[in-house]
C-alpha atoms as a PDB file:
ATOM      1  CA  UNK A   1      -4.953 -14.370  20.746  1.00  0.00           C
ATOM      2  CA  UNK A   2      -2.254 -16.102  21.344  1.00  0.00           C
ATOM      3  CA  UNK A   3       0.679 -13.262  20.687  1.00  0.00           C
ATOM      4  CA  UNK A   4       3.678 -12.796  18.760  1.00  0.00           C
ATOM      5  CA  UNK A   5       6.090 -14.955  20.978  1.00  0.00           C
ATOM      6  CA  UNK A   6       3.702 -17.797  21.013  1.00  0.00           C
ATOM      7  CA  UNK A   7       1.114 -17.500  17.791  1.00  0.00           C
ATOM      8  CA  UNK A   8       4.371 -19.152  16.142  1.00  0.00           C
ATOM      9  CA  UNK A   9       7.516 -20.935  16.094  1.00  0.00           C
ATOM     10  CA  UNK A  10       9.719 -17.692  17.071  1.00  0.00           C
ATOM     11  CA  UNK A  11      12.996 -20.324  16.658  1.00  0.00           C
ATOM     12  CA  UNK A  12      12.355 -20.453  12.614  1.00  0.00           C
ATOM     13  CA  UNK A  13      10.817 -16.973  12.606  1.00  0.00           C
ATOM     14  CA  UNK A  14      14.299 -15.146  13.957  1.00  0.00           C
ATOM     15  CA  UNK A  15      15.394 -18.195  11.660  1.00  0.00           C
ATOM     16  CA  UNK A  16      14.466 -17.377   8.060  1.00  0.00           C
ATOM     17  CA  UNK A  17      14.952 -13.332   8.765  1.00  0.00           C
ATOM     18  CA  UNK A  18      18.142 -13.968  10.104  1.00  0.00           C
ATOM     19  CA  UNK A  19      19.195 -15.381   6.920  1.00  0.00           C
ATOM     20  CA  UNK A  20      16.914 -13.470   4.363  1.00  0.00           C
ATOM     21  CA  UNK A  21      18.251 -10.150   5.913  1.00  0.00           C
ATOM     22  CA  UNK A  22      22.056 -11.211   6.272  1.00  0.00           C
ATOM     23  CA  UNK A  23      21.786 -12.691   2.617  1.00  0.00           C
ATOM     24  CA  UNK A  24      19.508  -9.099   1.156  1.00  0.00           C
ATOM     25  CA  UNK A  25      22.849  -6.903   2.227  1.00  0.00           C
ATOM     26  CA  UNK A  26      25.192  -9.313   0.311  1.00  0.00           C
ATOM     27  CA  UNK A  27      26.472  -8.050  -2.019  1.00  0.00           C
ATOM     28  CA  UNK A  28      25.133 -10.491  -5.026  1.00  0.00           C
ATOM     29  CA  UNK A  29      21.956  -7.927  -5.273  1.00  0.00           C
ATOM     30  CA  UNK A  30      22.509  -6.169  -9.249  1.00  0.00           C
ATOM     31  CA  UNK A  31      20.586  -3.502  -8.435  1.00  0.00           C
ATOM     32  CA  UNK A  32      20.785  -3.425 -12.863  1.00  0.00           C
ATOM     33  CA  UNK A  33      17.963  -2.137 -15.322  1.00  0.00           C
ATOM     34  CA  UNK A  34      14.687  -4.866 -14.832  1.00  0.00           C
ATOM     35  CA  UNK A  35      12.641  -5.793 -18.458  1.00  0.00           C
ATOM     36  CA  UNK A  36      11.133  -3.121 -19.909  1.00  0.00           C
ATOM     37  CA  UNK A  37       7.751  -4.951 -18.893  1.00  0.00           C
ATOM     38  CA  UNK A  38       7.882  -5.619 -15.159  1.00  0.00           C
ATOM     39  CA  UNK A  39       6.846  -8.333 -13.751  1.00  0.00           C
ATOM     40  CA  UNK A  40       6.402  -8.206  -9.674  1.00  0.00           C
ATOM     41  CA  UNK A  41       4.152 -11.167  -9.000  1.00  0.00           C
ATOM     42  CA  UNK A  42       6.604 -13.664  -7.152  1.00  0.00           C
ATOM     43  CA  UNK A  43       5.082 -17.869  -6.993  1.00  0.00           C
ATOM     44  CA  UNK A  44       1.748 -16.087  -6.891  1.00  0.00           C
ATOM     45  CA  UNK A  45       1.819 -13.538  -4.635  1.00  0.00           C
ATOM     46  CA  UNK A  46       1.491  -9.870  -6.123  1.00  0.00           C
ATOM     47  CA  UNK A  47       4.843  -7.695  -4.741  1.00  0.00           C
ATOM     48  CA  UNK A  48       4.088  -4.096  -5.108  1.00  0.00           C
ATOM     49  CA  UNK A  49       4.716  -0.853  -3.999  1.00  0.00           C
ATOM     50  CA  UNK A  50       2.395   2.403  -2.201  1.00  0.00           C
ATOM     51  CA  UNK A  51       4.374   5.323  -4.183  1.00  0.00           C
ATOM     52  CA  UNK A  52       5.003   7.082  -0.460  1.00  0.00           C
ATOM     53  CA  UNK A  53       8.272   5.207  -0.318  1.00  0.00           C
ATOM     54  CA  UNK A  54       9.629   7.788  -2.544  1.00  0.00           C
ATOM     55  CA  UNK A  55       8.874  10.359  -0.974  1.00  0.00           C
ATOM     56  CA  UNK A  56      12.752  11.339  -0.707  1.00  0.00           C
ATOM     57  CA  UNK A  57      12.712  11.862  -4.236  1.00  0.00           C
ATOM     58  CA  UNK A  58      11.146  14.089  -7.301  1.00  0.00           C
ATOM     59  CA  UNK A  59       7.456  12.495  -6.806  1.00  0.00           C
ATOM     60  CA  UNK A  60       5.383  13.880  -9.668  1.00  0.00           C
ATOM     61  CA  UNK A  61       4.241  11.146 -12.283  1.00  0.00           C
ATOM     62  CA  UNK A  62       6.920  10.222 -14.379  1.00  0.00           C
ATOM     63  CA  UNK A  63       9.406  10.069 -12.080  1.00  0.00           C
ATOM     64  CA  UNK A  64       7.552   8.075  -9.856  1.00  0.00           C
ATOM     65  CA  UNK A  65       7.003   5.644 -12.861  1.00  0.00           C
ATOM     66  CA  UNK A  66      11.146   5.637 -13.467  1.00  0.00           C
ATOM     67  CA  UNK A  67      11.504   4.368 -10.242  1.00  0.00           C
ATOM     68  CA  UNK A  68       8.860   1.754 -10.253  1.00  0.00           C
ATOM     69  CA  UNK A  69       9.686   0.164 -13.472  1.00  0.00           C
ATOM     70  CA  UNK A  70      13.667   0.340 -11.572  1.00  0.00           C
ATOM     71  CA  UNK A  71      12.483  -1.638  -8.696  1.00  0.00           C
ATOM     72  CA  UNK A  72      10.710  -4.047 -10.796  1.00  0.00           C
ATOM     73  CA  UNK A  73       7.419  -3.430  -9.971  1.00  0.00           C
ATOM     74  CA  UNK A  74       4.103  -3.930 -11.659  1.00  0.00           C
ATOM     75  CA  UNK A  75       1.694  -2.851  -9.422  1.00  0.00           C
ATOM     76  CA  UNK A  76       0.904   0.302  -7.015  1.00  0.00           C
ATOM     77  CA  UNK A  77      -0.795   2.402  -5.295  1.00  0.00           C
ATOM     78  CA  UNK A  78      -0.071   6.142  -6.225  1.00  0.00           C
ATOM     79  CA  UNK A  79      -0.929   8.875  -3.701  1.00  0.00           C
ATOM     80  CA  UNK A  80      -3.295  11.227  -4.865  1.00  0.00           C
ATOM     81  CA  UNK A  81      -0.901  14.206  -5.238  1.00  0.00           C
ATOM     82  CA  UNK A  82       1.126  13.169  -8.514  1.00  0.00           C
ATOM     83  CA  UNK A  83      -2.310  12.268  -9.731  1.00  0.00           C
ATOM     84  CA  UNK A  84      -3.842  15.481  -9.789  1.00  0.00           C
ATOM     85  CA  UNK A  85      -0.411  17.709 -10.258  1.00  0.00           C
ATOM     86  CA  UNK A  86      -0.692  15.510 -13.314  1.00  0.00           C
ATOM     87  CA  UNK A  87      -3.538  16.373 -14.934  1.00  0.00           C
ATOM     88  CA  UNK A  88      -3.149  20.389 -14.041  1.00  0.00           C
ATOM     89  CA  UNK A  89      -4.730  20.774 -10.454  1.00  0.00           C
ATOM     90  CA  UNK A  90      -3.910  24.312  -9.038  1.00  0.00           C
ATOM     91  CA  UNK A  91      -0.152  24.218  -7.041  1.00  0.00           C
ATOM     92  CA  UNK A  92       0.087  24.650  -3.647  1.00  0.00           C
ATOM     93  CA  UNK A  93       1.404  28.496  -4.520  1.00  0.00           C
ATOM     94  CA  UNK A  94      -1.104  29.366  -6.264  1.00  0.00           C
ATOM     95  CA  UNK A  95      -4.528  27.716  -4.994  1.00  0.00           C
ATOM     96  CA  UNK A  96      -6.956  27.728  -1.428  1.00  0.00           C
ATOM     97  CA  UNK A  97      -9.280  25.043  -0.940  1.00  0.00           C
ATOM     98  CA  UNK A  98     -12.108  26.712  -2.870  1.00  0.00           C
ATOM     99  CA  UNK A  99     -10.005  26.651  -6.186  1.00  0.00           C
ATOM    100  CA  UNK A 100      -8.950  23.252  -5.737  1.00  0.00           C
ATOM    101  CA  UNK A 101     -12.934  21.981  -5.087  1.00  0.00           C
ATOM    102  CA  UNK A 102     -13.616  24.264  -7.673  1.00  0.00           C
ATOM    103  CA  UNK A 103     -10.754  22.473 -10.254  1.00  0.00           C
ATOM    104  CA  UNK A 104     -11.774  19.064  -9.036  1.00  0.00           C
ATOM    105  CA  UNK A 105     -15.723  19.465 -10.156  1.00  0.00           C
ATOM    106  CA  UNK A 106     -15.081  21.200 -13.101  1.00  0.00           C
ATOM    107  CA  UNK A 107     -12.331  18.885 -14.947  1.00  0.00           C
ATOM    108  CA  UNK A 108     -12.613  16.232 -17.581  1.00  0.00           C
ATOM    109  CA  UNK A 109     -10.845  12.674 -16.920  1.00  0.00           C
ATOM    110  CA  UNK A 110      -9.100  12.578 -19.930  1.00  0.00           C
ATOM    111  CA  UNK A 111      -5.552  13.777 -18.352  1.00  0.00           C
ATOM    112  CA  UNK A 112      -6.433  11.034 -15.224  1.00  0.00           C
ATOM    113  CA  UNK A 113      -7.652   8.207 -18.547  1.00  0.00           C
ATOM    114  CA  UNK A 114      -3.593   9.319 -20.104  1.00  0.00           C
ATOM    115  CA  UNK A 115      -2.309   8.881 -16.802  1.00  0.00           C
ATOM    116  CA  UNK A 116      -3.138   5.639 -16.256  1.00  0.00           C
ATOM    117  CA  UNK A 117      -2.289   4.462 -20.643  1.00  0.00           C
ATOM    118  CA  UNK A 118       1.194   5.657 -19.666  1.00  0.00           C
ATOM    119  CA  UNK A 119       1.808   3.557 -16.485  1.00  0.00           C
ATOM    120  CA  UNK A 120       0.056   0.627 -17.748  1.00  0.00           C
ATOM    121  CA  UNK A 121       1.967   1.144 -21.296  1.00  0.00           C
ATOM    122  CA  UNK A 122       5.352   0.772 -19.043  1.00  0.00           C
ATOM    123  CA  UNK A 123       3.718  -2.431 -17.748  1.00  0.00           C
ATOM    124  CA  UNK A 124       2.759  -0.443 -14.504  1.00  0.00           C
ATOM    125  CA  UNK A 125      -1.085  -1.588 -12.825  1.00  0.00           C
ATOM    126  CA  UNK A 126      -3.039   1.477 -10.798  1.00  0.00           C
ATOM    127  CA  UNK A 127      -4.720  -1.284  -8.056  1.00  0.00           C
ATOM    128  CA  UNK A 128      -5.057   1.153  -5.938  1.00  0.00           C
ATOM    129  CA  UNK A 129      -5.156   5.240  -5.048  1.00  0.00           C
ATOM    130  CA  UNK A 130      -5.000   6.992  -1.812  1.00  0.00           C
ATOM    131  CA  UNK A 131      -7.166   9.968  -1.245  1.00  0.00           C
ATOM    132  CA  UNK A 132      -6.868  10.219   2.596  1.00  0.00           C
ATOM    133  CA  UNK A 133      -9.869  12.178   3.022  1.00  0.00           C
ATOM    134  CA  UNK A 134     -12.271  10.854   1.092  1.00  0.00           C
ATOM    135  CA  UNK A 135     -15.629  10.808   3.635  1.00  0.00           C
ATOM    136  CA  UNK A 136     -15.001  13.667   6.162  1.00  0.00           C
ATOM    137  CA  UNK A 137     -17.420  15.536   7.319  1.00  0.00           C
ATOM    138  CA  UNK A 138     -16.947  18.692   5.359  1.00  0.00           C
ATOM    139  CA  UNK A 139     -16.436  17.145   1.965  1.00  0.00           C
ATOM    140  CA  UNK A 140     -19.318  18.360  -0.129  1.00  0.00           C
ATOM    141  CA  UNK A 141     -20.873  15.129  -2.215  1.00  0.00           C
ATOM    142  CA  UNK A 142     -19.947  15.624  -5.304  1.00  0.00           C
ATOM    143  CA  UNK A 143     -16.186  15.911  -4.679  1.00  0.00           C
ATOM    144  CA  UNK A 144     -16.403  12.437  -3.070  1.00  0.00           C
ATOM    145  CA  UNK A 145     -18.233  11.478  -6.673  1.00  0.00           C
ATOM    146  CA  UNK A 146     -15.026  12.878  -7.669  1.00  0.00           C
ATOM    147  CA  UNK A 147     -12.435  10.635  -6.220  1.00  0.00           C
ATOM    148  CA  UNK A 148     -14.390   7.780  -7.397  1.00  0.00           C
ATOM    149  CA  UNK A 149     -14.114   8.482 -10.870  1.00  0.00           C
ATOM    150  CA  UNK A 150     -10.732   8.855 -10.863  1.00  0.00           C
ATOM    151  CA  UNK A 151     -10.003   5.822  -9.109  1.00  0.00           C
ATOM    152  CA  UNK A 152     -12.189   4.240 -12.398  1.00  0.00           C
ATOM    153  CA  UNK A 153     -10.424   6.562 -14.520  1.00  0.00           C
ATOM    154  CA  UNK A 154      -7.184   5.186 -13.570  1.00  0.00           C
ATOM    155  CA  UNK A 155      -8.339   1.449 -12.854  1.00  0.00           C
ATOM    156  CA  UNK A 156      -7.973   1.402 -10.253  1.00  0.00           C
ATOM    157  CA  UNK A 157      -9.831  -1.474  -7.639  1.00  0.00           C
ATOM    158  CA  UNK A 158     -10.118   0.705  -4.772  1.00  0.00           C
ATOM    159  CA  UNK A 159      -9.230   4.101  -2.901  1.00  0.00           C
ATOM    160  CA  UNK A 160      -7.859   4.442   0.840  1.00  0.00           C
ATOM    161  CA  UNK A 161      -7.668   6.290   3.692  1.00  0.00           C
ATOM    162  CA  UNK A 162      -7.304   6.085   6.991  1.00  0.00           C
ATOM    163  CA  UNK A 163      -9.295   4.163   9.671  1.00  0.00           C
ATOM    164  CA  UNK A 164     -12.905   6.417  10.550  1.00  0.00           C
ATOM    165  CA  UNK A 165     -15.692   4.644  11.454  1.00  0.00           C
ATOM    166  CA  UNK A 166     -18.060   8.256  10.421  1.00  0.00           C
ATOM    167  CA  UNK A 167     -16.600   7.957   6.730  1.00  0.00           C
ATOM    168  CA  UNK A 168     -17.766   4.056   6.961  1.00  0.00           C
ATOM    169  CA  UNK A 169     -21.134   5.216   7.189  1.00  0.00           C
ATOM    170  CA  UNK A 170     -21.144   7.965   4.803  1.00  0.00           C
ATOM    171  CA  UNK A 171     -18.889   5.868   2.063  1.00  0.00           C
ATOM    172  CA  UNK A 172     -20.149   2.604   2.061  1.00  0.00           C
ATOM    173  CA  UNK A 173     -23.240   3.095  -0.142  1.00  0.00           C
ATOM    174  CA  UNK A 174     -21.429   5.368  -2.152  1.00  0.00           C
ATOM    175  CA  UNK A 175     -18.775   2.387  -2.439  1.00  0.00           C
ATOM    176  CA  UNK A 176     -21.533   0.106  -4.041  1.00  0.00           C
ATOM    177  CA  UNK A 177     -22.846   2.033  -5.862  1.00  0.00           C
ATOM    178  CA  UNK A 178     -19.538   2.710  -7.835  1.00  0.00           C
ATOM    179  CA  UNK A 179     -18.155  -0.497  -7.094  1.00  0.00           C
ATOM    180  CA  UNK A 180     -14.505   0.737  -5.663  1.00  0.00           C
ATOM    181  CA  UNK A 181     -13.722  -0.188  -2.083  1.00  0.00           C
ATOM    182  CA  UNK A 182     -12.572   1.743   0.317  1.00  0.00           C
ATOM    183  CA  UNK A 183      -9.269   0.713   1.627  1.00  0.00           C
ATOM    184  CA  UNK A 184      -9.447   1.595   5.576  1.00  0.00           C
ATOM    185  CA  UNK A 185      -5.407   1.756   6.670  1.00  0.00           C
ATOM    186  CA  UNK A 186      -4.690   1.139  10.452  1.00  0.00           C
ATOM    187  CA  UNK A 187      -1.678   2.888  12.169  1.00  0.00           C
ATOM    188  CA  UNK A 188      -0.679   0.985  15.122  1.00  0.00           C
ATOM    189  CA  UNK A 189      -4.452   1.946  16.770  1.00  0.00           C
ATOM    190  CA  UNK A 190      -5.773  -1.507  15.365  1.00  0.00           C
ATOM    191  CA  UNK A 191      -6.235  -4.406  17.726  1.00  0.00           C
ATOM    192  CA  UNK A 192      -7.125  -7.491  16.538  1.00  0.00           C
ATOM    193  CA  UNK A 193     -11.165  -7.189  17.034  1.00  0.00           C
ATOM    194  CA  UNK A 194     -11.172  -3.963  15.532  1.00  0.00           C
ATOM    195  CA  UNK A 195     -13.356  -5.169  12.408  1.00  0.00           C
ATOM    196  CA  UNK A 196     -16.167  -7.129  14.246  1.00  0.00           C
ATOM    197  CA  UNK A 197     -18.601  -4.891  14.911  1.00  0.00           C
ATOM    198  CA  UNK A 198     -20.322  -2.820  12.733  1.00  0.00           C
ATOM    199  CA  UNK A 199     -17.080  -1.219  10.286  1.00  0.00           C
ATOM    200  CA  UNK A 200     -17.278  -2.865   8.327  1.00  0.00           C
ATOM    201  CA  UNK A 201     -21.572  -3.924   7.605  1.00  0.00           C
ATOM    202  CA  UNK A 202     -22.027  -0.588   5.841  1.00  0.00           C
ATOM    203  CA  UNK A 203     -21.355  -1.265   2.441  1.00  0.00           C
ATOM    204  CA  UNK A 204     -19.711  -4.340   1.045  1.00  0.00           C
ATOM    205  CA  UNK A 205     -17.377  -2.233  -0.558  1.00  0.00           C
ATOM    206  CA  UNK A 206     -15.576  -1.403   2.465  1.00  0.00           C
ATOM    207  CA  UNK A 207     -12.261  -3.248   3.091  1.00  0.00           C
ATOM    208  CA  UNK A 208      -8.811  -3.293   4.940  1.00  0.00           C
ATOM    209  CA  UNK A 209      -5.700  -1.819   4.240  1.00  0.00           C
ATOM    210  CA  UNK A 210      -4.223  -3.665   6.534  1.00  0.00           C
ATOM    211  CA  UNK A 211      -0.589  -2.117   7.831  1.00  0.00           C
ATOM    212  CA  UNK A 212       1.570  -5.464   9.302  1.00  0.00           C
ATOM    213  CA  UNK A 213       4.194  -3.701  10.424  1.00  0.00           C
ATOM    214  CA  UNK A 214       2.140  -1.021  12.193  1.00  0.00           C
ATOM    215  CA  UNK A 215      -0.151  -4.170  13.372  1.00  0.00           C
ATOM    216  CA  UNK A 216       2.870  -5.491  15.149  1.00  0.00           C
ATOM    217  CA  UNK A 217       3.833  -3.120  16.851  1.00  0.00           C
ATOM    218  CA  UNK A 218       0.584  -1.755  17.934  1.00  0.00           C
ATOM    219  CA  UNK A 219      -0.833  -5.376  19.010  1.00  0.00           C
ATOM    220  CA  UNK A 220       2.369  -7.379  19.886  1.00  0.00           C
ATOM    221  CA  UNK A 221       0.764 -10.346  17.736  1.00  0.00           C
ATOM    222  CA  UNK A 222       1.492 -11.574  14.544  1.00  0.00           C
ATOM    223  CA  UNK A 223      -0.647 -10.387  11.460  1.00  0.00           C
ATOM    224  CA  UNK A 224      -1.504 -13.762  10.074  1.00  0.00           C
ATOM    225  CA  UNK A 225      -4.603 -14.536  12.019  1.00  0.00           C
ATOM    226  CA  UNK A 226      -6.068 -11.763  11.052  1.00  0.00           C
ATOM    227  CA  UNK A 227      -5.700 -11.794   7.464  1.00  0.00           C
ATOM    228  CA  UNK A 228      -7.134 -15.449   7.750  1.00  0.00           C
ATOM    229  CA  UNK A 229     -10.232 -14.153   9.490  1.00  0.00           C
ATOM    230  CA  UNK A 230     -10.636 -11.089   7.569  1.00  0.00           C
ATOM    231  CA  UNK A 231      -8.657 -11.572   3.898  1.00  0.00           C
ATOM    232  CA  UNK A 232     -12.400 -11.322   2.268  1.00  0.00           C
ATOM    233  CA  UNK A 233     -12.195  -7.789   3.162  1.00  0.00           C
ATOM    234  CA  UNK A 234      -8.500  -6.773   2.219  1.00  0.00           C
ATOM    235  CA  UNK A 235      -7.748  -4.953  -0.249  1.00  0.00           C
ATOM    236  CA  UNK A 236      -4.401  -4.906  -0.309  1.00  0.00           C
ATOM    237  CA  UNK A 237      -1.478  -5.228   2.736  1.00  0.00           C
ATOM    238  CA  UNK A 238       1.348  -2.057   3.601  1.00  0.00           C
ATOM    239  CA  UNK A 239       4.472  -4.408   4.460  1.00  0.00           C
ATOM    240  CA  UNK A 240       6.772  -2.646   6.329  1.00  0.00           C
ATOM    241  CA  UNK A 241       9.199  -4.159   9.206  1.00  0.00           C
ATOM    242  CA  UNK A 242       9.136  -2.532  12.440  1.00  0.00           C
ATOM    243  CA  UNK A 243       9.696  -3.844  16.309  1.00  0.00           C
ATOM    244  CA  UNK A 244       6.756  -4.890  19.197  1.00  0.00           C
ATOM    245  CA  UNK A 245       6.258  -2.034  21.492  1.00  0.00           C
ATOM    246  CA  UNK A 246       5.225   0.610  19.423  1.00  0.00           C
ATOM    247  CA  UNK A 247       8.818  -0.497  17.867  1.00  0.00           C
ATOM    248  CA  UNK A 248      10.672   1.475  14.887  1.00  0.00           C
ATOM    249  CA  UNK A 249      11.206   0.466  11.371  1.00  0.00           C
ATOM    250  CA  UNK A 250      13.717  -1.042  10.553  1.00  0.00           C
ATOM    251  CA  UNK A 251      14.929  -2.592   7.226  1.00  0.00           C
ATOM    252  CA  UNK A 252      13.509  -5.697   5.833  1.00  0.00           C
ATOM    253  CA  UNK A 253      14.305  -8.843   8.226  1.00  0.00           C
ATOM    254  CA  UNK A 254      15.909  -6.790  11.110  1.00  0.00           C
ATOM    255  CA  UNK A 255      12.275  -6.196  13.303  1.00  0.00           C
ATOM    256  CA  UNK A 256       9.514  -8.143  14.780  1.00  0.00           C
ATOM    257  CA  UNK A 257       7.214  -8.638  11.276  1.00  0.00           C
ATOM    258  CA  UNK A 258       7.225 -11.603  10.503  1.00  0.00           C
ATOM    259  CA  UNK A 259       7.234 -10.937   6.562  1.00  0.00           C
ATOM    260  CA  UNK A 260       8.594 -14.378   5.306  1.00  0.00           C
ATOM    261  CA  UNK A 261       5.618 -16.566   7.171  1.00  0.00           C
ATOM    262  CA  UNK A 262       3.041 -14.474   5.876  1.00  0.00           C
ATOM    263  CA  UNK A 263       4.200 -14.281   2.189  1.00  0.00           C
ATOM    264  CA  UNK A 264       4.722 -17.472   2.808  1.00  0.00           C
ATOM    265  CA  UNK A 265       1.182 -17.913   4.327  1.00  0.00           C
ATOM    266  CA  UNK A 266      -0.185 -15.627   1.213  1.00  0.00           C
ATOM    267  CA  UNK A 267       1.337 -18.105  -1.371  1.00  0.00           C
ATOM    268  CA  UNK A 268       0.215 -21.423  -0.005  1.00  0.00           C
ATOM    269  CA  UNK A 269      -3.473 -20.372   0.515  1.00  0.00           C
ATOM    270  CA  UNK A 270      -3.225 -18.766  -2.584  1.00  0.00           C
ATOM    271  CA  UNK A 271      -4.589 -15.083  -1.736  1.00  0.00           C
ATOM    272  CA  UNK A 272      -4.444 -12.508  -4.565  1.00  0.00           C
ATOM    273  CA  UNK A 273      -4.242  -9.233  -2.940  1.00  0.00           C
ATOM    274  CA  UNK A 274      -1.299  -7.620  -3.244  1.00  0.00           C
ATOM    275  CA  UNK A 275       1.589  -6.716  -0.599  1.00  0.00           C
ATOM    276  CA  UNK A 276       2.557  -2.925  -1.415  1.00  0.00           C
ATOM    277  CA  UNK A 277       6.729  -2.105  -0.035  1.00  0.00           C
ATOM    278  CA  UNK A 278       6.255   0.434   2.202  1.00  0.00           C
ATOM    279  CA  UNK A 279       9.754   2.040   2.918  1.00  0.00           C
ATOM    280  CA  UNK A 280       9.921   3.630   5.727  1.00  0.00           C
ATOM    281  CA  UNK A 281      13.358   3.034   7.692  1.00  0.00           C
ATOM    282  CA  UNK A 282      15.374   5.387   7.629  1.00  0.00           C
ATOM    283  CA  UNK A 283      17.383   5.565   3.831  1.00  0.00           C
ATOM    284  CA  UNK A 284      21.086   5.428   4.875  1.00  0.00           C
ATOM    285  CA  UNK A 285      23.531   7.748   3.123  1.00  0.00           C
ATOM    286  CA  UNK A 286      25.320   6.053   0.857  1.00  0.00           C
ATOM    287  CA  UNK A 287      21.424   4.435  -0.702  1.00  0.00           C
ATOM    288  CA  UNK A 288      18.644   6.429  -1.563  1.00  0.00           C
ATOM    289  CA  UNK A 289      14.790   5.429  -1.746  1.00  0.00           C
ATOM    290  CA  UNK A 290      14.914   3.186  -5.449  1.00  0.00           C
ATOM    291  CA  UNK A 291      18.650   1.374  -3.900  1.00  0.00           C
ATOM    292  CA  UNK A 292      16.474   0.428  -0.537  1.00  0.00           C
ATOM    293  CA  UNK A 293      12.912  -0.396  -2.368  1.00  0.00           C
ATOM    294  CA  UNK A 294      14.537  -2.943  -4.588  1.00  0.00           C
ATOM    295  CA  UNK A 295      16.035  -4.607  -1.382  1.00  0.00           C
ATOM    296  CA  UNK A 296      12.592  -5.168  -0.307  1.00  0.00           C
ATOM    297  CA  UNK A 297      11.503  -6.478  -3.176  1.00  0.00           C
ATOM    298  CA  UNK A 298      14.768  -9.151  -3.508  1.00  0.00           C
ATOM    299  CA  UNK A 299      13.976  -9.915   0.229  1.00  0.00           C
ATOM    300  CA  UNK A 300      10.028 -10.678  -0.763  1.00  0.00           C
ATOM    301  CA  UNK A 301      11.439 -12.702  -3.409  1.00  0.00           C
ATOM    302  CA  UNK A 302      14.090 -14.879  -1.129  1.00  0.00           C
ATOM    303  CA  UNK A 303      11.437 -14.918   1.208  1.00  0.00           C
ATOM    304  CA  UNK A 304       8.727 -16.340  -1.464  1.00  0.00           C
ATOM    305  CA  UNK A 305      11.428 -18.908  -3.678  1.00  0.00           C
END
C-alpha cells in the first residue's frame, strides 16, 4: 500500500488544504446562530461531531445540546458520562463502582428516552453513544445488556469503544442479537491490515469507528484506501488533522490528513456513514471549543462545495 506522499497527488492535496485553511481563517466566517433546526448534511455527506470536542466547557447534556446547535450540527456521537448524568446516575463524589453498577442494573429507560426526545426536537440525532468499557473482561453480562438497551433508547445505531479483539469475541453475538453496531476506535496503533484477520468475523454488527487523523499519524498513509476496502463495516469516522510520524493535532487544513480529498471521496461514492469532527488541537486563548468546531464545520463545507 502506498504512502501518503505517493498515494495521492501531493501537490493537489497541499493546494486544496492551504486554500481551505486560509479561507477558514478569513474574517468572513460568520459565528452567528444557525437556524433552529440544524442540518449538517452537506452535498450528501453527513458531518457530525463527537461531544468530546466540547470537553473544555461544561458538559452536561443540556449544555452540550446548546453547543451542538450553535455549531449547526445535526448528528453526534454522544459521550456516555453526560448520558448517565442526565438519567440520574450517582455523582462521582458520592458513588463507588458497586453503587454505579446497582444503579445501571435497576434504572429504567425512561430518562434516556427523554434525552433522545430533547435532542430530536432540537434537530439533533444521536447516531452513536460512547461506552468505552463495554465488553471488558470483568464486566457483568447484565451491564453489557444495559449499554445496548441505553443505545436503543437513545435511537443510536452503534456504540463505540477502543480496539480489542477479546472484546470483539465477547460482543459479536450480543451486537447481532440487539442489532446495534460496535464501532472499534483506533489510535495510532492501527495498521492498514488491522482488520484483515478474524476481527470482524465474530459478528455481523462489529464495525469500525475510524479515526482518520490517528491513522495518518500512525501509518504515514492516506486513510482513503482503508475506507475503500472496509466501507461496509464503518460505523463512523473521527475527523481531525494530524501530522505524519506521530505528529501533532493541527487546525483543519494545516496537518497531513487529507480531509478535503477524503470528504470529496465520500461525496463521490455516496458514503452515508457520518464524518464526525473531533476537536483535539489546542483551542486558542481568544477562542473556545464552540468557535473552533464552527471553523471545522465551515472547513468541511468548503471541501464539499
